[in-house]
């Protein structure tokens, strides 16, 4: 495992810990309003709302971060001159 991947995993786990910590201490119900999607405010536990927002961010980041490059990779045996 290279260092860049290791640091990404550590940061991701730290963010998961923060989400878990917030969920443990914010179990009260909150009203979440997002008029574009919901006509009435959503009345759910705060931990659930935090997790859904976090999950949407992770999915968006994964979609943006996994964009492939066109042309593919060249093998190390073929070099251009």
N, C-alpha and C. Protein backbone atom coordinates (compact mmCIF):
# COMPACT_ATOMS: atom_id res chain seq x y z
N UNK A 1 0.86 -1.18 0.00
CA UNK A 1 0.00 0.00 0.00
C UNK A 1 0.90 1.24 0.00
N UNK A 2 0.62 2.13 -0.93
CA UNK A 2 1.45 3.33 -0.98
C UNK A 2 0.97 4.38 0.02
N UNK A 3 1.78 5.37 0.25
CA UNK A 3 1.51 6.38 1.27
C UNK A 3 0.26 7.19 0.97
N UNK A 4 0.04 7.54 -0.31
CA UNK A 4 -1.12 8.35 -0.68
C UNK A 4 -2.42 7.61 -0.36
N UNK A 5 -2.49 6.33 -0.69
CA UNK A 5 -3.68 5.55 -0.39
C UNK A 5 -3.87 5.40 1.12
N UNK A 6 -2.79 5.19 1.84
CA UNK A 6 -2.86 5.07 3.30
C UNK A 6 -3.41 6.34 3.92
N UNK A 7 -2.93 7.50 3.49
CA UNK A 7 -3.41 8.77 4.03
C UNK A 7 -4.88 9.00 3.69
N UNK A 8 -5.31 8.60 2.50
CA UNK A 8 -6.72 8.73 2.14
C UNK A 8 -7.59 7.87 3.06
N UNK A 9 -7.15 6.65 3.33
CA UNK A 9 -7.91 5.77 4.21
C UNK A 9 -7.96 6.33 5.62
N UNK A 10 -6.86 6.86 6.12
CA UNK A 10 -6.83 7.43 7.47
C UNK A 10 -7.76 8.63 7.56
N UNK A 11 -7.74 9.50 6.57
CA UNK A 11 -8.63 10.67 6.57
C UNK A 11 -10.08 10.23 6.49
N UNK A 12 -10.38 9.24 5.65
CA UNK A 12 -11.74 8.74 5.54
C UNK A 12 -12.22 8.14 6.86
N UNK A 13 -11.36 7.38 7.53
CA UNK A 13 -11.73 6.81 8.83
C UNK A 13 -11.91 7.90 9.88
N UNK A 14 -11.12 8.94 9.83
CA UNK A 14 -11.29 10.05 10.77
C UNK A 14 -12.63 10.74 10.55
N UNK A 15 -13.02 10.91 9.30
CA UNK A 15 -14.32 11.51 9.02
C UNK A 15 -15.44 10.60 9.49
N UNK A 16 -15.29 9.29 9.30
CA UNK A 16 -16.29 8.35 9.79
C UNK A 16 -16.41 8.42 11.31
N UNK A 17 -15.28 8.59 11.99
CA UNK A 17 -15.30 8.71 13.45
C UNK A 17 -16.07 9.96 13.87
N UNK A 18 -15.84 11.07 13.18
CA UNK A 18 -16.55 12.30 13.50
C UNK A 18 -18.06 12.09 13.30
N UNK A 19 -18.44 11.40 12.23
CA UNK A 19 -19.86 11.12 12.00
C UNK A 19 -20.44 10.25 13.10
N UNK A 20 -19.69 9.24 13.53
CA UNK A 20 -20.15 8.37 14.61
C UNK A 20 -20.28 9.16 15.90
N UNK A 21 -19.32 10.01 16.21
CA UNK A 21 -19.34 10.82 17.42
C UNK A 21 -20.53 11.77 17.42
N UNK A 22 -20.77 12.41 16.26
CA UNK A 22 -21.92 13.32 16.17
C UNK A 22 -23.22 12.54 16.33
N UNK A 23 -23.29 11.36 15.77
CA UNK A 23 -24.49 10.55 15.88
C UNK A 23 -24.77 10.10 17.30
N UNK A 24 -23.72 9.81 18.06
CA UNK A 24 -23.89 9.37 19.44
C UNK A 24 -24.42 10.50 20.32
N UNK A 25 -24.04 11.73 20.02
CA UNK A 25 -24.39 12.86 20.89
C UNK A 25 -25.49 13.75 20.32
N UNK A 26 -26.02 13.41 19.17
CA UNK A 26 -27.11 14.20 18.56
C UNK A 26 -28.24 13.28 18.16
N UNK A 27 -28.85 12.65 19.13
CA UNK A 27 -29.91 11.70 18.83
C UNK A 27 -31.29 12.35 18.83
N UNK A 28 -31.37 13.63 19.12
CA UNK A 28 -32.65 14.33 19.11
C UNK A 28 -33.16 14.46 17.67
N UNK A 29 -34.44 14.60 17.55
CA UNK A 29 -35.06 14.76 16.24
C UNK A 29 -34.92 16.22 15.79
N UNK A 30 -34.60 16.42 14.52
CA UNK A 30 -34.49 17.77 13.97
C UNK A 30 -35.38 17.88 12.74
N UNK A 31 -35.69 19.09 12.36
CA UNK A 31 -36.44 19.34 11.13
C UNK A 31 -35.46 19.83 10.08
N UNK A 32 -35.32 19.06 9.02
CA UNK A 32 -34.42 19.39 7.93
C UNK A 32 -35.26 19.86 6.75
N UNK A 33 -35.00 21.08 6.31
CA UNK A 33 -35.79 21.66 5.23
C UNK A 33 -34.92 21.81 3.98
N UNK A 34 -35.43 21.28 2.88
CA UNK A 34 -34.78 21.42 1.58
C UNK A 34 -35.91 21.55 0.55
N UNK A 35 -36.40 22.78 0.34
CA UNK A 35 -37.63 22.99 -0.44
C UNK A 35 -37.57 22.47 -1.88
N UNK A 36 -36.40 22.36 -2.46
CA UNK A 36 -36.31 21.88 -3.84
C UNK A 36 -36.77 20.42 -3.94
N UNK A 37 -36.46 19.61 -2.93
CA UNK A 37 -36.81 18.18 -2.96
C UNK A 37 -38.04 17.83 -2.12
N UNK A 38 -38.22 18.51 -1.00
CA UNK A 38 -39.28 18.14 -0.08
C UNK A 38 -40.25 19.31 0.12
N UNK A 39 -41.54 19.00 0.06
CA UNK A 39 -42.53 20.04 0.29
C UNK A 39 -42.59 20.43 1.76
N UNK A 40 -42.56 19.41 2.65
CA UNK A 40 -42.58 19.65 4.09
C UNK A 40 -41.20 19.32 4.67
N UNK A 41 -40.82 19.96 5.77
CA UNK A 41 -39.54 19.62 6.41
C UNK A 41 -39.52 18.15 6.87
N UNK A 42 -38.35 17.54 6.76
CA UNK A 42 -38.17 16.15 7.19
C UNK A 42 -37.86 16.16 8.68
N UNK A 43 -38.59 15.40 9.45
CA UNK A 43 -38.39 15.33 10.90
C UNK A 43 -37.77 13.98 11.24
N UNK A 44 -36.43 13.95 11.34
CA UNK A 44 -35.68 12.72 11.58
C UNK A 44 -34.63 12.97 12.66
N UNK A 45 -34.05 11.88 13.22
CA UNK A 45 -32.94 12.06 14.16
C UNK A 45 -31.76 12.75 13.48
N UNK A 46 -31.10 13.60 14.22
CA UNK A 46 -29.98 14.37 13.67
C UNK A 46 -28.89 13.47 13.11
N UNK A 47 -28.62 12.34 13.76
CA UNK A 47 -27.57 11.44 13.30
C UNK A 47 -27.89 10.91 11.91
N UNK A 48 -29.16 10.60 11.66
CA UNK A 48 -29.56 10.11 10.35
C UNK A 48 -29.36 11.18 9.28
N UNK A 49 -29.75 12.42 9.58
CA UNK A 49 -29.59 13.51 8.62
C UNK A 49 -28.10 13.75 8.34
N UNK A 50 -27.26 13.76 9.38
CA UNK A 50 -25.82 13.93 9.19
C UNK A 50 -25.25 12.82 8.30
N UNK A 51 -25.69 11.58 8.56
CA UNK A 51 -25.17 10.46 7.78
C UNK A 51 -25.58 10.55 6.32
N UNK A 52 -26.82 10.93 6.06
CA UNK A 52 -27.28 11.04 4.67
C UNK A 52 -26.51 12.12 3.94
N UNK A 53 -26.30 13.26 4.57
CA UNK A 53 -25.53 14.34 3.95
C UNK A 53 -24.10 13.88 3.70
N UNK A 54 -23.50 13.18 4.66
CA UNK A 54 -22.15 12.65 4.51
C UNK A 54 -22.09 11.65 3.35
N UNK A 55 -23.07 10.74 3.27
CA UNK A 55 -23.08 9.73 2.23
C UNK A 55 -23.20 10.36 0.84
N UNK A 56 -24.02 11.39 0.73
CA UNK A 56 -24.15 12.09 -0.55
C UNK A 56 -22.81 12.72 -0.94
N UNK A 57 -22.13 13.31 0.04
CA UNK A 57 -20.81 13.89 -0.24
C UNK A 57 -19.78 12.86 -0.65
N UNK A 58 -19.79 11.70 0.00
CA UNK A 58 -18.85 10.64 -0.35
C UNK A 58 -19.13 10.13 -1.76
N UNK A 59 -20.40 9.92 -2.08
CA UNK A 59 -20.74 9.45 -3.43
C UNK A 59 -20.36 10.47 -4.50
N UNK A 60 -20.62 11.74 -4.22
CA UNK A 60 -20.25 12.79 -5.18
C UNK A 60 -18.74 12.85 -5.35
N UNK A 61 -18.01 12.76 -4.25
CA UNK A 61 -16.55 12.77 -4.33
C UNK A 61 -16.00 11.57 -5.07
N UNK A 62 -16.61 10.40 -4.86
CA UNK A 62 -16.17 9.20 -5.56
C UNK A 62 -16.42 9.33 -7.06
N UNK A 63 -17.57 9.88 -7.42
CA UNK A 63 -17.87 10.05 -8.85
C UNK A 63 -16.93 11.06 -9.50
N UNK A 64 -16.62 12.13 -8.79
CA UNK A 64 -15.71 13.13 -9.35
C UNK A 64 -14.26 12.65 -9.36
N UNK A 65 -13.89 11.85 -8.38
CA UNK A 65 -12.50 11.41 -8.26
C UNK A 65 -12.13 10.20 -9.09
N UNK A 66 -13.11 9.51 -9.67
CA UNK A 66 -12.78 8.31 -10.43
C UNK A 66 -12.85 8.53 -11.92
N UNK A 67 -12.77 9.76 -12.36
CA UNK A 67 -12.78 10.05 -13.80
C UNK A 67 -11.54 9.47 -14.44
N UNK A 68 -11.74 8.70 -15.47
CA UNK A 68 -10.60 8.06 -16.15
C UNK A 68 -9.99 8.97 -17.19
N UNK A 69 -8.75 8.69 -17.51
CA UNK A 69 -8.09 9.46 -18.56
C UNK A 69 -8.28 8.71 -19.87
N UNK A 70 -8.46 9.45 -20.94
CA UNK A 70 -8.65 8.82 -22.24
C UNK A 70 -7.31 8.35 -22.77
N UNK A 71 -7.32 7.26 -23.49
CA UNK A 71 -6.09 6.77 -24.10
C UNK A 71 -5.47 5.64 -23.30
N UNK A 72 -5.80 5.51 -22.03
CA UNK A 72 -5.26 4.42 -21.23
C UNK A 72 -3.80 4.61 -20.90
N UNK A 73 -3.22 3.62 -20.26
CA UNK A 73 -1.81 3.71 -19.88
C UNK A 73 -0.97 2.90 -20.86
N UNK A 74 0.22 3.36 -21.06
CA UNK A 74 1.16 2.66 -21.93
C UNK A 74 2.02 1.73 -21.09
N UNK A 75 2.39 0.65 -21.71
CA UNK A 75 3.29 -0.27 -20.99
C UNK A 75 4.68 0.34 -20.93
N UNK A 76 5.46 -0.08 -19.95
CA UNK A 76 6.78 0.50 -19.77
C UNK A 76 7.74 0.08 -20.88
N UNK A 77 7.39 -0.94 -21.64
CA UNK A 77 8.27 -1.43 -22.71
C UNK A 77 8.21 -0.57 -23.95
N UNK A 78 7.14 0.13 -24.19
CA UNK A 78 7.02 0.95 -25.39
C UNK A 78 7.19 2.40 -25.03
N UNK A 79 8.26 2.99 -25.56
CA UNK A 79 8.55 4.40 -25.30
C UNK A 79 8.45 5.19 -26.59
N UNK A 80 7.88 6.39 -26.49
CA UNK A 80 7.82 7.26 -27.65
C UNK A 80 9.09 8.04 -27.77
N UNK A 81 9.47 8.31 -29.03
CA UNK A 81 10.68 9.10 -29.26
C UNK A 81 10.33 10.40 -29.85
